[in-house]
Amino acid sequence: MSTERDTQALRQALLEELYAGAFSGLDAMLLDEDAVRRAGAEELEELVRQYGLR
């Protein structure tokens, strides 16, 4: 269960990053929203690295 919570927390953090970027004028960040919503744990980790969050 903890892994599921961690995955959801990571997904939420990425979505917040995307929305913040879009709000600041980087509208293209919204293109990744669907990928973040559908991603599994491993894919989320890769997206986190791509965005430089870890």
Protein backbone atom coordinates (compact mmCIF):
# COMPACT_ATOMS: atom_id res chain seq x y z
CA MET A 1 0.00 0.00 0.00
CA SER A 2 2.86 2.38 0.77
CA THR A 3 4.18 1.97 -2.77
CA GLU A 4 0.79 2.95 -4.17
CA ARG A 5 0.74 6.06 -1.97
CA ASP A 6 4.28 6.93 -3.03
CA THR A 7 3.31 6.53 -6.68
CA GLN A 8 0.26 8.74 -6.24
CA ALA A 9 2.30 11.37 -4.39
CA LEU A 10 4.87 11.35 -7.20
CA ARG A 11 2.12 11.64 -9.80
CA GLN A 12 0.61 14.59 -7.90
CA ALA A 13 3.98 16.34 -7.63
CA LEU A 14 4.54 15.97 -11.37
CA LEU A 15 1.08 17.25 -12.20
CA GLU A 16 1.62 20.26 -9.95
CA GLU A 17 4.91 20.95 -11.73
CA LEU A 18 3.18 20.72 -15.11
CA TYR A 19 0.37 23.04 -14.06
CA ALA A 20 2.81 25.56 -12.57
CA GLY A 21 4.82 25.56 -15.77
CA ALA A 22 1.71 26.00 -17.90
CA PHE A 23 0.49 28.82 -15.66
CA SER A 24 3.82 30.59 -16.01
CA GLY A 25 3.54 30.57 -19.79
CA LEU A 26 4.99 27.21 -20.80
CA ASP A 27 1.74 25.89 -22.26
CA ALA A 28 3.48 22.94 -23.90
CA MET A 29 3.99 21.36 -20.48
CA LEU A 30 0.31 20.39 -20.55
CA LEU A 31 1.11 18.00 -23.39
CA ASP A 32 2.69 15.65 -20.83
CA GLU A 33 -0.34 15.63 -18.53
CA ASP A 34 -1.89 12.52 -20.10
CA ALA A 35 1.43 10.67 -19.97
CA VAL A 36 1.77 11.47 -16.25
CA ARG A 37 -1.78 10.33 -15.53
CA ARG A 38 -1.28 7.00 -17.34
CA ALA A 39 2.30 6.28 -16.20
CA GLY A 40 3.24 3.47 -13.89
CA ALA A 41 5.74 3.80 -11.06
CA GLU A 42 8.82 3.25 -13.22
CA GLU A 43 7.62 5.64 -15.90
CA LEU A 44 6.91 8.29 -13.28
CA GLU A 45 10.47 7.96 -11.98
CA GLU A 46 11.75 8.58 -15.51
CA LEU A 47 9.51 11.64 -15.90
CA VAL A 48 10.77 12.97 -12.56
CA ARG A 49 14.33 12.72 -13.83
CA GLN A 50 13.37 14.42 -17.11
CA TYR A 51 11.87 17.34 -15.21
CA GLY A 52 14.83 17.49 -12.84
CA LEU A 53 12.77 17.03 -9.72
CA ARG A 54 15.21 14.43 -8.33
